[in-house]
Amino acid sequence: MNRIKSVMLLTLLSLLLMAIGGVFGGRQGALIMLLVSFVINFISYWNSDKIALASYRAQPISPEQAPELHKLVKQLADNAGIAMPRLYLIPTDVPNAFATGRDDKHAAVAVTEGLLRILNRDEVAGVISHELSHIKHRDTLVMTLAASLASAISYIANIAQWGLIFGHRGDDREGNPLALLLTIIVAPIAATLIQLALSRSREFMADASGAAISRKPLALATALQKLDDYAHNRVLPGAKPETEGLFIINPLCGKGGLQNMFSTHPSTEERIEKLREIAANMN
């Protein structure tokens, strides 16, 4: 069901992109946008890990630099039944983490310096297990594809907005101004909502699966609380809306306002409550 839902939502994003092209360029515009969606998916599929890691200046962590961390991640990866991912360190004191890559053989987990500083070993294990769950179920690939398509839709809608303001559509055909206006307004919102539907459900699933991998749901719960407290007071440097869904805690929630209303993550309180229920069932 998870894979079927993901395919359906990604198809909706592609169709939305085609609809924008159809409004502004007819059948030819729709075909162009279909090609654009294929190109975006192709690039994201093969380079999602490189793009995400470079965006946050993440540097590889060798076994010599952090032997205990490598040993811990190897043990958790074995528990999850996947290959050990590459490890990266993000140079910031704001604690957070994300996973990226198209599958477990091409995956990476990036943690910040702040996360390793404020969390104890069990809490780090909980966070890593959450990220390994994303890798195991290929959430990282799906979310990167969704983010790329949603970004393209918003970008094209912005271009169309300026074209409408200055009365230029690229040809001499008359268009329906109301349809153009609705496309400009509705398309980015619809893209965001589809992206949210993908991300929020996956966070709950990754929490539950991560708890099973580490066998320490309460440690993950306390880790989430610590990360959330920091995130509401300090925004992760360089964080972008397009990649916020990759992180275990929304790195932009400190901005407040509409940013929280359209957050790619469910509330941390709800996630912690579900982890406590899992712990009670384990006991």
C-alpha atoms as a PDB file:
ATOM      1  CA  MET A   1       0.000   0.000   0.000  1.00  0.00           C
ATOM      2  CA  ASN A   2       2.872   2.353   0.771  1.00  0.00           C
ATOM      3  CA  ARG A   3       4.391   1.855  -2.697  1.00  0.00           C
ATOM      4  CA  ILE A   4       1.018   2.134  -4.442  1.00  0.00           C
ATOM      5  CA  LYS A   5       0.222   5.353  -2.603  1.00  0.00           C
ATOM      6  CA  SER A   6       3.623   6.807  -3.461  1.00  0.00           C
ATOM      7  CA  VAL A   7       3.261   5.968  -7.161  1.00  0.00           C
ATOM      8  CA  MET A   8      -0.224   7.491  -7.229  1.00  0.00           C
ATOM      9  CA  LEU A   9       0.878  10.713  -5.561  1.00  0.00           C
ATOM     10  CA  LEU A  10       3.927  11.090  -7.801  1.00  0.00           C
ATOM     11  CA  THR A  11       1.665  10.511 -10.811  1.00  0.00           C
ATOM     12  CA  LEU A  12      -0.615  13.275  -9.543  1.00  0.00           C
ATOM     13  CA  LEU A  13       2.345  15.647  -9.349  1.00  0.00           C
ATOM     14  CA  SER A  14       3.350  14.800 -12.917  1.00  0.00           C
ATOM     15  CA  LEU A  15      -0.229  15.283 -14.147  1.00  0.00           C
ATOM     16  CA  LEU A  16      -0.373  18.616 -12.331  1.00  0.00           C
ATOM     17  CA  LEU A  17       2.793  19.681 -14.109  1.00  0.00           C
ATOM     18  CA  MET A  18       1.252  18.631 -17.430  1.00  0.00           C
ATOM     19  CA  ALA A  19      -1.941  20.542 -16.632  1.00  0.00           C
ATOM     20  CA  ILE A  20       0.051  23.731 -16.143  1.00  0.00           C
ATOM     21  CA  GLY A  21       1.726  23.190 -19.498  1.00  0.00           C
ATOM     22  CA  GLY A  22      -1.677  22.557 -21.087  1.00  0.00           C
ATOM     23  CA  VAL A  23      -3.146  25.792 -19.760  1.00  0.00           C
ATOM     24  CA  PHE A  24      -0.274  27.889 -21.053  1.00  0.00           C
ATOM     25  CA  GLY A  25       0.711  25.979 -24.185  1.00  0.00           C
ATOM     26  CA  GLY A  26      -2.101  23.651 -25.145  1.00  0.00           C
ATOM     27  CA  ARG A  27      -1.264  20.077 -26.159  1.00  0.00           C
ATOM     28  CA  GLN A  28       2.306  21.025 -26.992  1.00  0.00           C
ATOM     29  CA  GLY A  29       2.778  22.600 -23.565  1.00  0.00           C
ATOM     30  CA  ALA A  30       1.420  19.487 -21.853  1.00  0.00           C
ATOM     31  CA  LEU A  31       3.820  17.271 -23.782  1.00  0.00           C
ATOM     32  CA  ILE A  32       6.726  19.548 -22.910  1.00  0.00           C
ATOM     33  CA  MET A  33       5.834  19.370 -19.218  1.00  0.00           C
ATOM     34  CA  LEU A  34       5.556  15.577 -19.448  1.00  0.00           C
ATOM     35  CA  LEU A  35       9.091  15.526 -20.816  1.00  0.00           C
ATOM     36  CA  VAL A  36      10.196  17.908 -18.051  1.00  0.00           C
ATOM     37  CA  SER A  37       8.761  15.584 -15.389  1.00  0.00           C
ATOM     38  CA  PHE A  38      10.660  12.628 -16.890  1.00  0.00           C
ATOM     39  CA  VAL A  39      13.901  14.634 -16.911  1.00  0.00           C
ATOM     40  CA  ILE A  40      13.411  15.767 -13.301  1.00  0.00           C
ATOM     41  CA  ASN A  41      12.701  12.207 -12.157  1.00  0.00           C
ATOM     42  CA  PHE A  42      15.716  10.857 -14.066  1.00  0.00           C
ATOM     43  CA  ILE A  43      18.140  13.415 -12.613  1.00  0.00           C
ATOM     44  CA  SER A  44      16.726  13.033  -9.107  1.00  0.00           C
ATOM     45  CA  TYR A  45      16.885   9.235  -9.282  1.00  0.00           C
ATOM     46  CA  TRP A  46      20.579   9.097 -10.142  1.00  0.00           C
ATOM     47  CA  ASN A  47      21.838  12.133  -8.211  1.00  0.00           C
ATOM     48  CA  SER A  48      19.498  12.672  -5.263  1.00  0.00           C
ATOM     49  CA  ASP A  49      22.143  11.774  -2.664  1.00  0.00           C
ATOM     50  CA  LYS A  50      24.847  13.985  -4.191  1.00  0.00           C
ATOM     51  CA  ILE A  51      22.494  16.971  -4.516  1.00  0.00           C
ATOM     52  CA  ALA A  52      21.166  16.720  -0.947  1.00  0.00           C
ATOM     53  CA  LEU A  53      24.587  16.229   0.659  1.00  0.00           C
ATOM     54  CA  ALA A  54      26.181  19.071  -1.302  1.00  0.00           C
ATOM     55  CA  SER A  55      23.302  21.396  -0.356  1.00  0.00           C
ATOM     56  CA  TYR A  56      24.267  21.117   3.323  1.00  0.00           C
ATOM     57  CA  ARG A  57      28.054  20.923   2.879  1.00  0.00           C
ATOM     58  CA  ALA A  58      28.073  17.433   4.389  1.00  0.00           C
ATOM     59  CA  GLN A  59      31.491  15.790   4.697  1.00  0.00           C
ATOM     60  CA  PRO A  60      32.123  12.017   4.822  1.00  0.00           C
ATOM     61  CA  ILE A  61      32.907  10.441   8.194  1.00  0.00           C
ATOM     62  CA  SER A  62      35.528   7.695   7.996  1.00  0.00           C
ATOM     63  CA  PRO A  63      35.699   4.724  10.401  1.00  0.00           C
ATOM     64  CA  GLU A  64      38.980   6.159  11.720  1.00  0.00           C
ATOM     65  CA  GLN A  65      37.294   9.453  12.615  1.00  0.00           C
ATOM     66  CA  ALA A  66      34.316   7.890  14.437  1.00  0.00           C
ATOM     67  CA  PRO A  67      34.811   4.160  15.061  1.00  0.00           C
ATOM     68  CA  GLU A  68      32.022   3.891  17.661  1.00  0.00           C
ATOM     69  CA  LEU A  69      29.501   5.608  15.387  1.00  0.00           C
ATOM     70  CA  HIS A  70      30.383   3.311  12.483  1.00  0.00           C
ATOM     71  CA  LYS A  71      30.093   0.270  14.737  1.00  0.00           C
ATOM     72  CA  LEU A  72      26.666   1.423  15.951  1.00  0.00           C
ATOM     73  CA  VAL A  73      25.341   2.133  12.450  1.00  0.00           C
ATOM     74  CA  LYS A  74      26.648  -1.217  11.154  1.00  0.00           C
ATOM     75  CA  GLN A  75      24.822  -3.046  13.951  1.00  0.00           C
ATOM     76  CA  LEU A  76      21.578  -1.176  13.265  1.00  0.00           C
ATOM     77  CA  ALA A  77      21.861  -1.717   9.508  1.00  0.00           C
ATOM     78  CA  ASP A  78      22.258  -5.441  10.157  1.00  0.00           C
ATOM     79  CA  ASN A  79      19.129  -5.322  12.337  1.00  0.00           C
ATOM     80  CA  ALA A  80      17.280  -3.608   9.489  1.00  0.00           C
ATOM     81  CA  GLY A  81      18.567  -6.123   6.946  1.00  0.00           C
ATOM     82  CA  ILE A  82      20.137  -3.524   4.650  1.00  0.00           C
ATOM     83  CA  ALA A  83      23.633  -2.549   3.566  1.00  0.00           C
ATOM     84  CA  MET A  84      25.417  -0.044   5.777  1.00  0.00           C
ATOM     85  CA  PRO A  85      24.968   3.480   4.395  1.00  0.00           C
ATOM     86  CA  ARG A  86      27.750   6.014   4.017  1.00  0.00           C
ATOM     87  CA  LEU A  87      28.022   8.428   6.940  1.00  0.00           C
ATOM     88  CA  TYR A  88      28.299  12.214   6.624  1.00  0.00           C
ATOM     89  CA  LEU A  89      28.711  15.095   9.051  1.00  0.00           C
ATOM     90  CA  ILE A  90      26.959  18.445   8.570  1.00  0.00           C
ATOM     91  CA  PRO A  91      28.982  21.338  10.066  1.00  0.00           C
ATOM     92  CA  THR A  92      26.388  23.027  12.279  1.00  0.00           C
ATOM     93  CA  ASP A  93      25.501  23.079  15.966  1.00  0.00           C
ATOM     94  CA  VAL A  94      21.775  22.734  15.191  1.00  0.00           C
ATOM     95  CA  PRO A  95      20.932  19.055  15.855  1.00  0.00           C
ATOM     96  CA  ASN A  96      19.209  17.215  13.010  1.00  0.00           C
ATOM     97  CA  ALA A  97      19.710  14.325  10.570  1.00  0.00           C
ATOM     98  CA  PHE A  98      18.527  13.046   7.220  1.00  0.00           C
ATOM     99  CA  ALA A  99      18.944  10.081   4.888  1.00  0.00           C
ATOM    100  CA  THR A 100      19.201  10.170   1.125  1.00  0.00           C
ATOM    101  CA  GLY A 101      19.824   7.834  -1.819  1.00  0.00           C
ATOM    102  CA  ARG A 102      17.853   5.767  -4.328  1.00  0.00           C
ATOM    103  CA  ASP A 103      18.339   2.443  -2.477  1.00  0.00           C
ATOM    104  CA  ASP A 104      20.265   0.940   0.411  1.00  0.00           C
ATOM    105  CA  LYS A 105      23.331   0.260  -1.758  1.00  0.00           C
ATOM    106  CA  HIS A 106      23.566   3.944  -2.719  1.00  0.00           C
ATOM    107  CA  ALA A 107      22.354   5.496   0.523  1.00  0.00           C
ATOM    108  CA  ALA A 108      23.849   7.954   2.968  1.00  0.00           C
ATOM    109  CA  VAL A 109      22.941   9.179   6.438  1.00  0.00           C
ATOM    110  CA  ALA A 110      23.975  12.694   7.413  1.00  0.00           C
ATOM    111  CA  VAL A 111      24.000  13.938  11.005  1.00  0.00           C
ATOM    112  CA  THR A 112      24.912  17.347  12.331  1.00  0.00           C
ATOM    113  CA  GLU A 113      27.673  18.086  14.795  1.00  0.00           C
ATOM    114  CA  GLY A 114      25.010  19.345  17.200  1.00  0.00           C
ATOM    115  CA  LEU A 115      23.144  16.027  17.129  1.00  0.00           C
ATOM    116  CA  LEU A 116      26.216  14.032  18.131  1.00  0.00           C
ATOM    117  CA  ARG A 117      26.921  16.560  20.865  1.00  0.00           C
ATOM    118  CA  ILE A 118      23.525  16.655  22.644  1.00  0.00           C
ATOM    119  CA  LEU A 119      22.227  13.079  22.228  1.00  0.00           C
ATOM    120  CA  ASN A 120      23.358  10.036  24.164  1.00  0.00           C
ATOM    121  CA  ARG A 121      24.178   6.708  22.476  1.00  0.00           C
ATOM    122  CA  ASP A 122      20.655   5.258  22.708  1.00  0.00           C
ATOM    123  CA  GLU A 123      19.124   8.449  21.335  1.00  0.00           C
ATOM    124  CA  VAL A 124      21.592   8.504  18.437  1.00  0.00           C
ATOM    125  CA  ALA A 125      20.667   4.868  17.769  1.00  0.00           C
ATOM    126  CA  GLY A 126      16.994   5.835  17.676  1.00  0.00           C
ATOM    127  CA  VAL A 127      17.615   8.626  15.177  1.00  0.00           C
ATOM    128  CA  ILE A 128      19.831   6.455  12.969  1.00  0.00           C
ATOM    129  CA  SER A 129      17.235   3.664  13.038  1.00  0.00           C
ATOM    130  CA  HIS A 130      14.559   6.124  11.895  1.00  0.00           C
ATOM    131  CA  GLU A 131      16.744   7.117   8.945  1.00  0.00           C
ATOM    132  CA  LEU A 132      17.568   3.494   8.132  1.00  0.00           C
ATOM    133  CA  SER A 133      13.839   2.819   7.945  1.00  0.00           C
ATOM    134  CA  HIS A 134      13.493   5.581   5.333  1.00  0.00           C
ATOM    135  CA  ILE A 135      16.287   3.947   3.339  1.00  0.00           C
ATOM    136  CA  LYS A 136      14.848   0.434   3.673  1.00  0.00           C
ATOM    137  CA  HIS A 137      11.440   1.522   2.355  1.00  0.00           C
ATOM    138  CA  ARG A 138      12.940   3.866  -0.276  1.00  0.00           C
ATOM    139  CA  ASP A 139      11.238   6.882   1.256  1.00  0.00           C
ATOM    140  CA  THR A 140      14.344   8.929   0.473  1.00  0.00           C
ATOM    141  CA  LEU A 141      13.951   8.336  -3.251  1.00  0.00           C
ATOM    142  CA  VAL A 142      10.215   9.039  -3.327  1.00  0.00           C
ATOM    143  CA  MET A 143      10.490  12.206  -1.251  1.00  0.00           C
ATOM    144  CA  THR A 144      13.325  13.555  -3.384  1.00  0.00           C
ATOM    145  CA  LEU A 145      11.328  12.962  -6.562  1.00  0.00           C
ATOM    146  CA  ALA A 146       8.254  14.596  -5.024  1.00  0.00           C
ATOM    147  CA  ALA A 147      10.271  17.592  -3.835  1.00  0.00           C
ATOM    148  CA  SER A 148      11.834  18.049  -7.267  1.00  0.00           C
ATOM    149  CA  LEU A 149       8.481  17.950  -9.060  1.00  0.00           C
ATOM    150  CA  ALA A 150       6.830  20.247  -6.517  1.00  0.00           C
ATOM    151  CA  SER A 151       9.690  22.738  -6.894  1.00  0.00           C
ATOM    152  CA  ALA A 152       9.307  22.670 -10.678  1.00  0.00           C
ATOM    153  CA  ILE A 153       5.560  23.305 -10.401  1.00  0.00           C
ATOM    154  CA  SER A 154       6.064  26.273  -8.074  1.00  0.00           C
ATOM    155  CA  TYR A 155       8.822  27.678 -10.271  1.00  0.00           C
ATOM    156  CA  ILE A 156       6.751  27.417 -13.452  1.00  0.00           C
ATOM    157  CA  ALA A 157       3.735  28.947 -11.697  1.00  0.00           C
ATOM    158  CA  ASN A 158       5.907  31.900 -10.649  1.00  0.00           C
ATOM    159  CA  ILE A 159       7.052  32.398 -14.228  1.00  0.00           C
ATOM    160  CA  ALA A 160       3.415  32.254 -15.376  1.00  0.00           C
ATOM    161  CA  GLN A 161       2.455  34.813 -12.737  1.00  0.00           C
ATOM    162  CA  TRP A 162       4.901  37.360 -14.096  1.00  0.00           C
ATOM    163  CA  GLY A 163       3.815  36.543 -17.634  1.00  0.00           C
ATOM    164  CA  LEU A 164       0.203  37.235 -16.700  1.00  0.00           C
ATOM    165  CA  ILE A 165       1.103  40.484 -14.962  1.00  0.00           C
ATOM    166  CA  PHE A 166       2.911  41.773 -18.014  1.00  0.00           C
ATOM    167  CA  GLY A 167       0.333  40.334 -20.434  1.00  0.00           C
ATOM    168  CA  HIS A 168       2.689  37.967 -22.275  1.00  0.00           C
ATOM    169  CA  ARG A 169       2.002  34.268 -22.888  1.00  0.00           C
ATOM    170  CA  GLY A 170       4.587  33.575 -25.528  1.00  0.00           C
ATOM    171  CA  ASP A 171       2.069  33.575 -28.454  1.00  0.00           C
ATOM    172  CA  ASP A 172      -0.868  35.535 -29.857  1.00  0.00           C
ATOM    173  CA  ARG A 173      -3.645  33.170 -28.820  1.00  0.00           C
ATOM    174  CA  GLU A 174      -6.300  34.371 -26.443  1.00  0.00           C
ATOM    175  CA  GLY A 175      -6.482  32.522 -23.189  1.00  0.00           C
ATOM    176  CA  ASN A 176      -8.921  32.346 -20.345  1.00  0.00           C
ATOM    177  CA  PRO A 177      -7.576  34.804 -17.738  1.00  0.00           C
ATOM    178  CA  LEU A 178      -9.567  33.093 -14.970  1.00  0.00           C
ATOM    179  CA  ALA A 179      -8.093  29.690 -15.846  1.00  0.00           C
ATOM    180  CA  LEU A 180      -4.618  31.201 -15.885  1.00  0.00           C
ATOM    181  CA  LEU A 181      -5.147  32.858 -12.515  1.00  0.00           C
ATOM    182  CA  LEU A 182      -6.532  29.682 -10.933  1.00  0.00           C
ATOM    183  CA  THR A 183      -3.583  27.699 -12.283  1.00  0.00           C
ATOM    184  CA  ILE A 184      -1.097  30.161 -10.832  1.00  0.00           C
ATOM    185  CA  ILE A 185      -2.776  30.075  -7.409  1.00  0.00           C
ATOM    186  CA  VAL A 186      -3.968  26.468  -7.127  1.00  0.00           C
ATOM    187  CA  ALA A 187      -1.078  24.543  -8.718  1.00  0.00           C
ATOM    188  CA  PRO A 188       1.621  25.359  -6.098  1.00  0.00           C
ATOM    189  CA  ILE A 189      -0.836  24.736  -3.258  1.00  0.00           C
ATOM    190  CA  ALA A 190      -1.886  21.381  -4.733  1.00  0.00           C
ATOM    191  CA  ALA A 191       1.762  20.398  -5.224  1.00  0.00           C
ATOM    192  CA  THR A 192       2.527  21.262  -1.605  1.00  0.00           C
ATOM    193  CA  LEU A 193      -0.459  19.294  -0.304  1.00  0.00           C
ATOM    194  CA  ILE A 194       0.543  16.222  -2.316  1.00  0.00           C
ATOM    195  CA  GLN A 195       4.085  16.512  -0.968  1.00  0.00           C
ATOM    196  CA  LEU A 196       2.723  16.784   2.586  1.00  0.00           C
ATOM    197  CA  ALA A 197       0.577  13.684   2.110  1.00  0.00           C
ATOM    198  CA  LEU A 198       3.704  11.767   1.115  1.00  0.00           C
ATOM    199  CA  SER A 199       5.929  13.005   3.907  1.00  0.00           C
ATOM    200  CA  ARG A 200       3.739  13.078   7.014  1.00  0.00           C
ATOM    201  CA  SER A 201       2.535   9.480   6.782  1.00  0.00           C
ATOM    202  CA  ARG A 202       6.085   8.300   6.136  1.00  0.00           C
ATOM    203  CA  GLU A 203       7.401   9.951   9.313  1.00  0.00           C
ATOM    204  CA  PHE A 204       5.014   7.934  11.474  1.00  0.00           C
ATOM    205  CA  MET A 205       5.981   4.759   9.629  1.00  0.00           C
ATOM    206  CA  ALA A 206       9.694   5.484   9.985  1.00  0.00           C
ATOM    207  CA  ASP A 207       9.277   6.135  13.720  1.00  0.00           C
ATOM    208  CA  ALA A 208       7.533   2.790  14.208  1.00  0.00           C
ATOM    209  CA  SER A 209       9.960   0.883  11.997  1.00  0.00           C
ATOM    210  CA  GLY A 210      12.931   2.666  13.574  1.00  0.00           C
ATOM    211  CA  ALA A 211      11.711   1.682  17.023  1.00  0.00           C
ATOM    212  CA  ALA A 212      11.629  -1.946  15.886  1.00  0.00           C
ATOM    213  CA  ILE A 213      15.177  -1.692  14.522  1.00  0.00           C
ATOM    214  CA  SER A 214      16.714  -0.135  17.646  1.00  0.00           C
ATOM    215  CA  ARG A 215      14.286  -1.716  20.156  1.00  0.00           C
ATOM    216  CA  LYS A 216      14.412   1.627  21.993  1.00  0.00           C
ATOM    217  CA  PRO A 217      11.265   3.625  21.137  1.00  0.00           C
ATOM    218  CA  LEU A 218      11.537   5.810  24.234  1.00  0.00           C
ATOM    219  CA  ALA A 219      15.098   6.807  23.310  1.00  0.00           C
ATOM    220  CA  LEU A 220      13.831   7.938  19.904  1.00  0.00           C
ATOM    221  CA  ALA A 221      11.029   9.826  21.651  1.00  0.00           C
ATOM    222  CA  THR A 222      13.445  11.753  23.882  1.00  0.00           C
ATOM    223  CA  ALA A 223      15.695  12.422  20.881  1.00  0.00           C
ATOM    224  CA  LEU A 224      12.757  13.881  18.930  1.00  0.00           C
ATOM    225  CA  GLN A 225      11.893  16.124  21.872  1.00  0.00           C
ATOM    226  CA  LYS A 226      15.439  17.464  22.116  1.00  0.00           C
ATOM    227  CA  LEU A 227      15.706  18.055  18.354  1.00  0.00           C
ATOM    228  CA  ASP A 228      12.295  19.737  18.263  1.00  0.00           C
ATOM    229  CA  ASP A 229      13.223  22.114  21.098  1.00  0.00           C
ATOM    230  CA  TYR A 230      16.319  23.243  19.187  1.00  0.00           C
ATOM    231  CA  ALA A 231      14.492  23.456  15.847  1.00  0.00           C
ATOM    232  CA  HIS A 232      11.919  25.896  17.227  1.00  0.00           C
ATOM    233  CA  ASN A 233      14.654  28.222  18.421  1.00  0.00           C
ATOM    234  CA  ARG A 234      17.257  27.926  15.665  1.00  0.00           C
ATOM    235  CA  VAL A 235      16.791  27.386  11.950  1.00  0.00           C
ATOM    236  CA  LEU A 236      19.266  24.998  10.346  1.00  0.00           C
ATOM    237  CA  PRO A 237      21.667  27.065   8.190  1.00  0.00           C
ATOM    238  CA  GLY A 238      20.950  26.668   4.491  1.00  0.00           C
ATOM    239  CA  ALA A 239      17.694  24.764   5.025  1.00  0.00           C
ATOM    240  CA  LYS A 240      15.311  24.951   2.072  1.00  0.00           C
ATOM    241  CA  PRO A 241      11.598  24.083   1.775  1.00  0.00           C
ATOM    242  CA  GLU A 242      12.410  21.682  -1.071  1.00  0.00           C
ATOM    243  CA  THR A 243      14.473  19.409   1.188  1.00  0.00           C
ATOM    244  CA  GLU A 244      12.855  19.883   4.597  1.00  0.00           C
ATOM    245  CA  GLY A 245      10.965  16.595   4.202  1.00  0.00           C
ATOM    246  CA  LEU A 246      14.245  14.660   4.245  1.00  0.00           C
ATOM    247  CA  PHE A 247      15.081  15.648   7.836  1.00  0.00           C
ATOM    248  CA  ILE A 248      13.881  13.806  10.938  1.00  0.00           C
ATOM    249  CA  ILE A 249      12.652  17.144  12.343  1.00  0.00           C
ATOM    250  CA  ASN A 250      11.490  20.016  10.134  1.00  0.00           C
ATOM    251  CA  PRO A 251      14.551  22.320  10.018  1.00  0.00           C
ATOM    252  CA  LEU A 252      12.378  25.342   9.180  1.00  0.00           C
ATOM    253  CA  CYS A 253       9.806  25.101  11.977  1.00  0.00           C
ATOM    254  CA  GLY A 254      11.629  27.881  13.836  1.00  0.00           C
ATOM    255  CA  LYS A 255      10.335  30.358  11.259  1.00  0.00           C
ATOM    256  CA  GLY A 256       6.757  29.824  12.474  1.00  0.00           C
ATOM    257  CA  GLY A 257       3.636  31.141  10.731  1.00  0.00           C
ATOM    258  CA  LEU A 258       2.573  29.503   7.469  1.00  0.00           C
ATOM    259  CA  GLN A 259       5.801  27.509   7.437  1.00  0.00           C
ATOM    260  CA  ASN A 260       4.470  25.396  10.307  1.00  0.00           C
ATOM    261  CA  MET A 261       0.958  25.174   8.835  1.00  0.00           C
ATOM    262  CA  PHE A 262       2.398  23.571   5.692  1.00  0.00           C
ATOM    263  CA  SER A 263       5.074  21.551   7.470  1.00  0.00           C
ATOM    264  CA  THR A 264       6.145  18.281   5.885  1.00  0.00           C
ATOM    265  CA  HIS A 265       6.235  16.699   9.363  1.00  0.00           C
ATOM    266  CA  PRO A 266       3.440  15.776  11.782  1.00  0.00           C
ATOM    267  CA  SER A 267       3.570  17.340  15.229  1.00  0.00           C
ATOM    268  CA  THR A 268       6.411  16.064  17.390  1.00  0.00           C
ATOM    269  CA  GLU A 269       3.995  15.629  20.306  1.00  0.00           C
ATOM    270  CA  GLU A 270       1.895  13.202  18.282  1.00  0.00           C
ATOM    271  CA  ARG A 271       4.968  11.279  17.153  1.00  0.00           C
ATOM    272  CA  ILE A 272       6.203  10.980  20.750  1.00  0.00           C
ATOM    273  CA  GLU A 273       2.797   9.776  21.932  1.00  0.00           C
ATOM    274  CA  LYS A 274       2.769   7.015  19.312  1.00  0.00           C
ATOM    275  CA  LEU A 275       6.290   5.959  20.315  1.00  0.00           C
ATOM    276  CA  ARG A 276       5.182   5.717  23.927  1.00  0.00           C
ATOM    277  CA  GLU A 277       2.330   3.455  22.842  1.00  0.00           C
ATOM    278  CA  ILE A 278       4.824   1.271  20.955  1.00  0.00           C
ATOM    279  CA  ALA A 279       7.032   1.077  24.050  1.00  0.00           C
ATOM    280  CA  ALA A 280       4.061   0.046  26.190  1.00  0.00           C
ATOM    281  CA  ASN A 281       3.167  -2.707  23.724  1.00  0.00           C
ATOM    282  CA  MET A 282       6.784  -3.914  23.696  1.00  0.00           C
ATOM    283  CA  ASN A 283       6.749  -4.161  27.487  1.00  0.00           C
END
